[in-house]
Amino acid sequence: MQISALTKIDGLSEAFPSQPLAGAQQNPTVGFGKLMEEMISKVSDLQNDADKSIQSLATGQGKGLHEVMLSVEKASISFQMLTQVRNKAVEAYQEIMRMPV
């Protein structure tokens, strides 16, 4: 039996490219909050793009159905990922709060 290496998921890496935060080098306190703000902004942009694609399809302008479906699915998957990150952060917070002091 041969075990192959894990590969990255292309769709997620396009939605959330891993780049160092701009202010992280100067200010080490910038961290999870800033990352969440950027993720929320990107998800919002993807959902706005999907809405515009749907409107352009409904009015008969521009994009074809397959491009609209791709933008809608990209927005949906990125929102699901953001929701899971939020859920894990809440779980971690609740676990910390349950720890005895």
Protein backbone atom coordinates (compact mmCIF):
# COMPACT_ATOMS: atom_id res chain seq x y z
CA MET A 1 0.00 0.00 0.00
CA GLN A 2 1.40 3.36 -1.00
CA ILE A 3 0.67 6.53 0.96
CA SER A 4 0.71 9.74 -1.04
CA ALA A 5 1.44 13.19 0.33
CA LEU A 6 -1.33 15.63 1.16
CA THR A 7 -1.99 18.25 -1.47
CA LYS A 8 -3.45 21.70 -1.05
CA ILE A 9 -7.03 22.51 -1.95
CA ASP A 10 -6.86 24.95 -4.85
CA GLY A 11 -10.24 26.61 -4.36
CA LEU A 12 -9.52 27.56 -0.77
CA SER A 13 -6.05 28.82 -1.53
CA GLU A 14 -7.53 31.15 -4.15
CA ALA A 15 -10.21 32.44 -1.78
CA PHE A 16 -7.80 32.85 1.12
CA PRO A 17 -4.24 33.18 -0.17
CA SER A 18 -1.69 32.78 2.58
CA GLN A 19 0.23 36.02 2.75
CA PRO A 20 1.84 37.61 5.76
CA LEU A 21 -0.23 40.38 7.31
CA ALA A 22 1.01 43.84 6.40
CA GLY A 23 1.18 45.17 9.96
CA ALA A 24 2.27 41.93 11.59
CA GLN A 25 5.98 42.62 11.15
CA GLN A 26 5.89 46.02 12.84
CA ASN A 27 3.27 45.19 15.47
CA PRO A 28 3.44 41.66 16.89
CA THR A 29 0.07 42.08 18.65
CA VAL A 30 -1.75 42.02 15.30
CA GLY A 31 -3.02 38.50 14.94
CA PHE A 32 -6.22 36.52 14.91
CA GLY A 33 -8.55 39.53 15.02
CA LYS A 34 -6.91 41.11 11.99
CA LEU A 35 -6.97 37.79 10.16
CA MET A 36 -10.69 37.41 10.88
CA GLU A 37 -11.37 40.95 9.63
CA GLU A 38 -9.56 40.19 6.38
CA MET A 39 -11.37 36.87 5.96
CA ILE A 40 -14.76 38.50 6.57
CA SER A 41 -13.92 41.21 4.06
CA LYS A 42 -12.89 38.66 1.42
CA VAL A 43 -16.01 36.55 2.00
CA SER A 44 -18.15 39.67 1.73
CA ASP A 45 -16.45 40.60 -1.55
CA LEU A 46 -16.99 37.09 -2.93
CA GLN A 47 -20.68 37.18 -1.98
CA ASN A 48 -21.09 40.62 -3.56
CA ASP A 49 -19.45 39.33 -6.75
CA ALA A 50 -21.80 36.34 -6.75
CA ASP A 51 -24.81 38.64 -6.34
CA LYS A 52 -23.62 40.81 -9.23
CA SER A 53 -23.13 37.70 -11.37
CA ILE A 54 -26.67 36.54 -10.62
CA GLN A 55 -28.06 39.97 -11.48
CA SER A 56 -26.13 40.08 -14.75
CA LEU A 57 -27.41 36.60 -15.65
CA ALA A 58 -31.00 37.60 -14.84
CA THR A 59 -30.76 40.70 -17.02
CA GLY A 60 -29.07 38.82 -19.86
CA GLN A 61 -25.79 40.68 -19.65
CA GLY A 62 -22.27 39.32 -19.64
CA LYS A 63 -21.53 36.04 -17.93
CA GLY A 64 -22.79 32.58 -18.75
CA LEU A 65 -24.52 30.22 -16.36
CA HIS A 66 -21.37 28.21 -15.60
CA GLU A 67 -19.43 31.32 -14.55
CA VAL A 68 -22.31 32.42 -12.33
CA MET A 69 -22.48 29.00 -10.69
CA LEU A 70 -18.72 29.06 -10.08
CA SER A 71 -18.88 32.45 -8.38
CA VAL A 72 -21.87 31.38 -6.26
CA GLU A 73 -20.14 28.17 -5.18
CA LYS A 74 -16.90 30.00 -4.42
CA ALA A 75 -18.85 32.41 -2.20
CA SER A 76 -20.71 29.55 -0.54
CA ILE A 77 -17.58 27.52 0.21
CA SER A 78 -15.71 30.53 1.55
CA PHE A 79 -18.65 31.38 3.83
CA GLN A 80 -18.77 27.79 5.10
CA MET A 81 -15.04 27.90 5.80
CA LEU A 82 -15.38 31.20 7.67
CA THR A 83 -18.24 29.73 9.72
CA GLN A 84 -16.13 26.70 10.64
CA VAL A 85 -13.20 28.91 11.69
CA ARG A 86 -15.58 30.92 13.86
CA ASN A 87 -17.02 27.73 15.38
CA LYS A 88 -13.54 26.43 16.22
CA ALA A 89 -12.60 29.76 17.80
CA VAL A 90 -15.76 29.70 19.94
CA GLU A 91 -15.06 26.09 20.94
CA ALA A 92 -11.51 27.00 21.96
CA TYR A 93 -12.76 29.97 24.00
CA GLN A 94 -15.35 27.82 25.76
CA GLU A 95 -12.72 25.18 26.52
CA ILE A 96 -10.42 27.82 28.02
CA MET A 97 -13.28 29.20 30.12
CA ARG A 98 -13.96 25.70 31.51
CA MET A 99 -10.38 25.32 32.73
CA PRO A 100 -9.99 25.59 36.50
CA VAL A 101 -7.91 28.53 37.64
